[in-house]
Amino acid sequence: MSEFLSHSHPRVALIGECMIELQQHANGTLKQSFGGDTLNTAVYLSRLLGSAAQVDYVTALGDDSFSDAMCAIWAEEGIGLSRVQRLPGRLPGLYCIQTDAQGERRFLYWRNEAAVRECFTTPAADPILAALPEYDVLYFSGITLAVLGEVGRARLLSTLGDARDRGARVVFDNNYRPRLWRSVDQARQAYRAVMHEVDLALLTEEDEQALFDYADSEAIMSAYRDMGVSEVVIKRGAQSCLVRADNRRYEVPAHPVHNVIDTTAAGDSFSAGYLARRLRGGSPQEAAEAGHRLASLVIQHPGALIPRSVMPA
């Protein structure tokens, strides 16, 4: 099985949005923190890789106290801030998590004026876009595609091509959120446009079925093979995940969890566990096991980010 990268100490850039997170408790009180799909993955990736990699986050924030707090937390987690824009007068987006008795969650969003929507359209974005092809791994999600808008998506697509020409690996997590798109057709067009630049696709099965109407896992695997994606992982919640890499297929069972508290960031943490193990030279099976292991811990705690003290060794 070929390695994901052929050298040590990779430079990884994750592109996306972090928002103000409010967790609503049963008594109606709210706990404030921060979260977002690619940011969750960045935090877990930084924790897992430590000094073995450089993990940078690429986004746009405001010049407010919430944005200051985000940057301080990311720095504590070892995440590089050199690609974070601070836009005067702007604010981050906000979302609220409401969790039911089974641990399933409902999200309410306030993000239309979020600073990240100008991430790749400001003059300050030019040197950031120029620097991205120097990274070894670029990571983004379907939510990234949605919040960047048409101009931002076009500039990202061009950057992905330049990065792969220089030998970078591109990782995509599908994370489809219908409310972020004008229509299903718009989302489909945006996803398909970037797919020919993707090396590793981390796919939630339900999202793929909602977006593309695939009948089953086999249809998803066939579609991504036809689009030229060399490594595909299908995440199926509490079920086993399916992996195709180097023309081989694997099915890796999930870790059973009997006390699910909150499924927030389950998929994001799986992706971090998988990618971290691949970057350390692990096989796809080992990577999937690592992804399941981390996700099983995350869903036993409230919120997107678990305490560092309970991270897997």
Protein backbone atom coordinates (compact mmCIF):
# COMPACT_ATOMS: atom_id res chain seq x y z
CA MET A 1 0.00 0.00 0.00
CA SER A 2 1.48 3.35 -1.03
CA GLU A 3 2.01 6.05 1.58
CA PHE A 4 -0.18 9.13 1.51
CA LEU A 5 2.94 11.33 1.54
CA SER A 6 6.54 10.29 0.96
CA HIS A 7 8.17 12.68 3.47
CA SER A 8 7.92 13.57 7.14
CA HIS A 9 6.74 16.77 8.85
CA PRO A 10 4.06 17.76 6.33
CA ARG A 11 2.57 21.24 6.09
CA VAL A 12 -1.24 21.02 6.18
CA ALA A 13 -3.67 23.88 5.44
CA LEU A 14 -7.35 23.47 6.30
CA ILE A 15 -9.70 25.92 4.62
CA GLY A 16 -13.10 26.88 6.00
CA GLU A 17 -15.12 28.61 8.67
CA CYS A 18 -15.17 28.72 12.45
CA MET A 19 -18.33 30.03 14.12
CA ILE A 20 -19.49 31.07 17.57
CA GLU A 21 -21.15 27.94 19.03
CA LEU A 22 -24.02 28.01 21.53
CA GLN A 23 -25.00 24.72 23.21
CA GLN A 24 -28.56 24.80 24.54
CA HIS A 25 -29.09 22.81 27.73
CA ALA A 26 -32.33 21.14 28.77
CA ASN A 27 -33.08 23.97 31.23
CA GLY A 28 -32.75 26.57 28.45
CA THR A 29 -29.34 27.93 29.45
CA LEU A 30 -26.64 28.35 26.80
CA LYS A 31 -22.93 27.52 26.88
CA GLN A 32 -20.76 29.49 24.45
CA SER A 33 -17.77 28.02 22.60
CA PHE A 34 -16.47 27.87 19.03
CA GLY A 35 -16.76 25.30 16.24
CA GLY A 36 -16.96 24.54 12.55
CA ASP A 37 -16.36 21.42 10.51
CA THR A 38 -12.88 22.13 9.12
CA LEU A 39 -11.83 23.89 12.32
CA ASN A 40 -12.85 20.84 14.38
CA THR A 41 -10.76 18.68 12.08
CA ALA A 42 -7.83 21.11 12.34
CA VAL A 43 -7.88 20.99 16.14
CA TYR A 44 -7.99 17.20 16.29
CA LEU A 45 -5.36 16.89 13.57
CA SER A 46 -3.04 19.25 15.45
CA ARG A 47 -3.55 17.30 18.67
CA LEU A 48 -2.87 13.97 16.99
CA LEU A 49 0.18 15.04 14.98
CA GLY A 50 1.74 17.46 17.45
CA SER A 51 5.23 18.52 16.42
CA ALA A 52 5.25 15.99 13.58
CA ALA A 53 3.38 18.42 11.30
CA GLN A 54 2.52 22.06 10.76
CA VAL A 55 -1.25 22.60 10.80
CA ASP A 56 -2.51 26.00 9.60
CA TYR A 57 -6.07 27.28 9.35
CA VAL A 58 -7.22 29.41 6.42
CA THR A 59 -10.23 31.64 7.05
CA ALA A 60 -11.45 35.21 7.54
CA LEU A 61 -12.61 36.68 10.86
CA GLY A 62 -13.62 40.08 12.16
CA ASP A 63 -11.77 42.47 14.44
CA ASP A 64 -14.06 41.75 17.41
CA SER A 65 -13.47 40.09 20.78
CA PHE A 66 -14.96 36.75 19.65
CA SER A 67 -12.47 36.62 16.77
CA ASP A 68 -9.66 37.48 19.20
CA ALA A 69 -10.74 34.60 21.43
CA MET A 70 -10.87 32.17 18.50
CA CYS A 71 -7.32 33.02 17.47
CA ALA A 72 -6.07 32.64 21.04
CA ILE A 73 -7.64 29.18 21.34
CA TRP A 74 -6.25 28.06 17.99
CA ALA A 75 -2.77 29.19 18.97
CA GLU A 76 -3.06 27.19 22.21
CA GLU A 77 -3.98 24.15 20.11
CA GLY A 78 -0.83 24.59 18.01
CA ILE A 79 -2.66 25.78 14.89
CA GLY A 80 -0.87 28.33 12.71
CA LEU A 81 -2.61 31.69 12.23
CA SER A 82 -0.55 33.17 9.39
CA ARG A 83 -3.35 32.50 6.86
CA VAL A 84 -6.14 34.01 8.97
CA GLN A 85 -7.48 37.33 7.70
CA ARG A 86 -8.95 39.87 10.14
CA LEU A 87 -11.51 42.07 8.37
CA PRO A 88 -12.38 45.40 10.05
CA GLY A 89 -15.99 45.76 11.08
CA ARG A 90 -16.91 42.15 10.35
CA LEU A 91 -18.01 39.31 12.65
CA PRO A 92 -17.88 35.49 12.65
CA GLY A 93 -21.01 33.46 12.02
CA LEU A 94 -23.00 31.94 14.89
CA TYR A 95 -24.88 28.67 15.42
CA CYS A 96 -26.85 26.99 18.18
CA ILE A 97 -26.92 23.23 18.91
CA GLN A 98 -30.11 21.69 20.28
CA THR A 99 -29.62 18.03 21.28
CA ASP A 100 -32.39 15.47 21.84
CA ALA A 101 -32.50 12.54 24.29
CA GLN A 102 -30.82 10.21 21.77
CA GLY A 103 -27.85 12.54 21.26
CA GLU A 104 -28.95 13.68 17.81
CA ARG A 105 -28.63 17.38 17.20
CA ARG A 106 -30.39 20.20 15.41
CA PHE A 107 -28.49 23.28 14.23
CA LEU A 108 -29.74 26.86 13.97
CA TYR A 109 -27.47 29.23 12.00
CA TRP A 110 -26.80 32.99 11.73
CA ARG A 111 -24.07 33.30 9.11
CA ASN A 112 -25.21 35.41 6.13
CA GLU A 113 -22.90 38.32 7.02
CA ALA A 114 -19.99 36.18 8.28
CA ALA A 115 -16.51 37.47 7.43
CA VAL A 116 -15.50 34.15 5.86
CA ARG A 117 -17.67 34.92 2.83
CA GLU A 118 -14.94 37.37 1.76
CA CYS A 119 -12.08 35.00 2.53
CA PHE A 120 -10.83 34.77 -1.07
CA THR A 121 -12.20 38.03 -2.51
CA THR A 122 -10.22 40.68 -0.59
CA PRO A 123 -6.84 42.08 -1.73
CA ALA A 124 -5.32 40.47 1.38
CA ALA A 125 -6.35 37.07 0.02
CA ASP A 126 -3.94 37.26 -2.92
CA PRO A 127 -0.75 36.36 -0.99
CA ILE A 128 -2.63 33.66 0.93
CA LEU A 129 -3.84 32.01 -2.28
CA ALA A 130 -0.33 32.29 -3.70
CA ALA A 131 1.09 30.52 -0.63
CA LEU A 132 -1.37 27.60 -0.54
CA PRO A 133 0.34 25.56 -3.31
CA GLU A 134 3.44 25.41 -1.08
CA TYR A 135 1.60 23.17 1.39
CA ASP A 136 1.82 19.38 1.28
CA VAL A 137 -1.88 18.84 2.06
CA LEU A 138 -4.89 21.08 1.40
CA TYR A 139 -8.12 20.16 3.18
CA PHE A 140 -11.59 21.64 2.65
CA SER A 141 -15.24 20.60 2.82
CA GLY A 142 -18.59 21.01 1.15
CA ILE A 143 -19.35 23.72 3.70
CA THR A 144 -16.18 25.52 2.61
CA LEU A 145 -17.46 25.48 -0.97
CA ALA A 146 -20.82 26.89 0.11
CA VAL A 147 -19.59 29.77 2.28
CA LEU A 148 -16.89 30.94 -0.15
CA GLY A 149 -19.42 31.87 -2.85
CA GLU A 150 -18.92 31.63 -6.60
CA VAL A 151 -15.86 33.89 -6.86
CA GLY A 152 -14.17 32.29 -3.88
CA ARG A 153 -14.88 28.78 -5.19
CA ALA A 154 -13.36 29.63 -8.56
CA ARG A 155 -10.21 30.97 -6.94
CA LEU A 156 -9.96 27.92 -4.69
CA LEU A 157 -10.32 25.58 -7.67
CA SER A 158 -7.48 27.30 -9.49
CA THR A 159 -5.31 27.06 -6.37
CA LEU A 160 -6.01 23.34 -5.96
CA GLY A 161 -4.76 22.71 -9.49
CA ASP A 162 -1.56 24.66 -8.85
CA ALA A 163 -1.00 22.81 -5.59
CA ARG A 164 -1.38 19.37 -7.16
CA ASP A 165 0.99 20.38 -9.97
CA ARG A 166 3.58 20.93 -7.21
CA GLY A 167 2.86 17.54 -5.63
CA ALA A 168 0.37 18.45 -2.91
CA ARG A 169 -2.41 16.10 -1.88
CA VAL A 170 -5.97 17.45 -1.75
CA VAL A 171 -8.48 16.14 0.80
CA PHE A 172 -12.24 16.77 0.64
CA ASP A 173 -14.96 16.07 3.22
CA ASN A 174 -18.38 16.25 1.54
CA ASN A 175 -20.41 17.76 4.47
CA TYR A 176 -23.46 18.76 2.42
CA ARG A 177 -25.79 21.30 4.07
CA PRO A 178 -28.76 22.07 1.77
CA ARG A 179 -29.65 25.39 3.45
CA LEU A 180 -26.29 26.86 2.39
CA TRP A 181 -27.05 26.48 -1.32
CA ARG A 182 -29.57 28.17 -3.62
CA SER A 183 -30.46 24.78 -5.10
CA VAL A 184 -29.36 21.16 -5.30
CA ASP A 185 -28.14 21.79 -8.84
CA GLN A 186 -25.87 24.61 -7.71
CA ALA A 187 -24.33 22.36 -5.05
CA ARG A 188 -23.88 19.47 -7.47
CA GLN A 189 -22.13 21.71 -9.97
CA ALA A 190 -19.76 23.07 -7.31
CA TYR A 191 -18.90 19.62 -5.95
CA ARG A 192 -18.24 18.12 -9.36
CA ALA A 193 -16.09 21.08 -10.41
CA VAL A 194 -13.52 20.41 -7.67
CA MET A 195 -13.61 16.63 -7.65
CA HIS A 196 -11.04 16.14 -10.41
CA GLU A 197 -8.52 17.88 -8.11
CA VAL A 198 -9.22 15.62 -5.08
CA ASP A 199 -6.92 12.77 -3.96
CA LEU A 200 -8.79 11.67 -0.81
CA ALA A 201 -12.56 11.99 -0.42
CA LEU A 202 -14.06 11.51 3.06
CA LEU A 203 -17.77 11.04 2.44
CA THR A 204 -20.75 10.80 4.75
CA GLU A 205 -23.09 8.33 3.07
CA GLU A 206 -26.30 10.20 3.98
CA ASP A 207 -24.94 13.44 2.53
CA GLU A 208 -24.01 11.76 -0.74
CA GLN A 209 -27.47 10.25 -1.04
CA ALA A 210 -29.15 13.57 -0.25
CA LEU A 211 -27.07 15.48 -2.78
CA PHE A 212 -26.68 13.02 -5.66
CA ASP A 213 -29.47 10.48 -5.04
CA TYR A 214 -27.05 7.56 -5.03
CA ALA A 215 -28.87 4.30 -4.34
CA ASP A 216 -26.22 2.74 -2.10
CA SER A 217 -22.54 2.63 -1.19
CA GLU A 218 -21.61 0.82 -4.38
CA ALA A 219 -23.05 3.63 -6.47
CA ILE A 220 -21.04 6.18 -4.47
CA MET A 221 -17.82 4.22 -4.89
CA SER A 222 -18.39 3.85 -8.63
CA ALA A 223 -19.11 7.56 -9.08
CA TYR A 224 -15.94 8.69 -7.32
CA ARG A 225 -13.83 6.12 -9.13
CA ASP A 226 -15.15 7.48 -12.42
CA MET A 227 -14.24 11.01 -11.29
CA GLY A 228 -10.65 9.90 -10.70
CA VAL A 229 -10.49 10.13 -6.89
CA SER A 230 -7.83 7.61 -5.87
CA GLU A 231 -8.79 7.14 -2.20
CA VAL A 232 -12.40 7.15 -0.99
CA VAL A 233 -13.79 6.63 2.50
CA ILE A 234 -17.54 6.28 3.10
CA LYS A 235 -18.50 7.15 6.67
CA ARG A 236 -21.70 5.44 7.84
CA GLY A 237 -22.14 6.57 11.44
CA ALA A 238 -22.28 3.66 13.88
CA GLN A 239 -21.86 1.16 11.03
CA SER A 240 -18.57 0.07 9.51
CA CYS A 241 -16.88 2.45 7.10
CA LEU A 242 -15.96 1.48 3.55
CA VAL A 243 -12.59 2.31 2.00
CA ARG A 244 -11.23 2.08 -1.53
CA ALA A 245 -7.53 2.80 -2.04
CA ASP A 246 -5.03 1.56 -4.63
CA ASN A 247 -7.86 -0.42 -6.25
CA ARG A 248 -8.43 -2.40 -3.06
CA ARG A 249 -11.56 -2.43 -0.93
CA TYR A 250 -11.82 -2.58 2.85
CA GLU A 251 -14.61 -2.61 5.41
CA VAL A 252 -13.59 -1.44 8.89
CA PRO A 253 -16.03 -1.84 11.82
CA ALA A 254 -16.88 1.10 14.05
CA HIS A 255 -16.21 1.16 17.80
CA PRO A 256 -19.49 0.44 19.62
CA VAL A 257 -20.65 3.22 21.95
CA HIS A 258 -23.48 2.61 24.40
CA ASN A 259 -23.71 6.09 25.89
CA VAL A 260 -23.99 8.61 23.06
CA ILE A 261 -24.09 12.14 24.49
CA ASP A 262 -23.66 14.35 21.41
CA THR A 263 -22.83 13.40 17.83
CA THR A 264 -21.50 16.88 16.99
CA ALA A 265 -18.14 16.61 15.16
CA ALA A 266 -18.30 12.82 14.87
CA GLY A 267 -17.52 12.97 11.17
CA ASP A 268 -14.99 15.81 11.56
CA SER A 269 -13.04 13.89 14.18
CA PHE A 270 -13.15 10.68 12.13
CA SER A 271 -11.63 12.61 9.23
CA ALA A 272 -8.87 13.97 11.49
CA GLY A 273 -8.09 10.52 12.87
CA TYR A 274 -8.00 9.02 9.40
CA LEU A 275 -5.81 11.72 7.87
CA ALA A 276 -3.42 11.85 10.84
CA ARG A 277 -2.79 8.11 10.62
CA ARG A 278 -2.25 8.26 6.85
CA LEU A 279 0.22 11.13 7.29
CA ARG A 280 2.13 9.03 9.81
CA GLY A 281 2.48 6.24 7.25
CA GLY A 282 -0.46 4.09 8.30
CA SER A 283 -2.46 1.95 5.90
CA PRO A 284 -6.06 2.83 4.98
CA GLN A 285 -7.32 0.13 7.37
CA GLU A 286 -5.22 1.51 10.23
CA ALA A 287 -6.38 5.02 9.36
CA ALA A 288 -10.05 3.98 9.43
CA GLU A 289 -9.57 2.30 12.80
CA ALA A 290 -7.97 5.50 14.13
CA GLY A 291 -10.87 7.54 12.77
CA HIS A 292 -13.44 5.30 14.43
CA ARG A 293 -11.50 5.36 17.71
CA LEU A 294 -11.45 9.15 17.94
CA ALA A 295 -15.07 9.58 16.80
CA SER A 296 -16.24 7.07 19.42
CA LEU A 297 -14.69 9.26 22.14
CA VAL A 298 -16.02 12.52 20.73
CA ILE A 299 -19.66 11.40 20.74
CA GLN A 300 -19.44 10.59 24.45
CA HIS A 301 -18.90 14.28 25.29
CA PRO A 302 -20.96 17.43 24.68
CA GLY A 303 -19.92 19.90 22.00
CA ALA A 304 -17.53 19.67 19.08
CA LEU A 305 -14.18 19.54 20.93
CA ILE A 306 -13.49 17.09 23.72
CA PRO A 307 -11.00 17.80 26.54
CA ARG A 308 -7.39 17.07 25.61
CA SER A 309 -7.17 14.80 28.65
CA VAL A 310 -9.45 12.20 27.02
CA MET A 311 -7.76 12.20 23.61
CA PRO A 312 -6.49 8.78 22.48
CA ALA A 313 -2.79 8.12 23.00
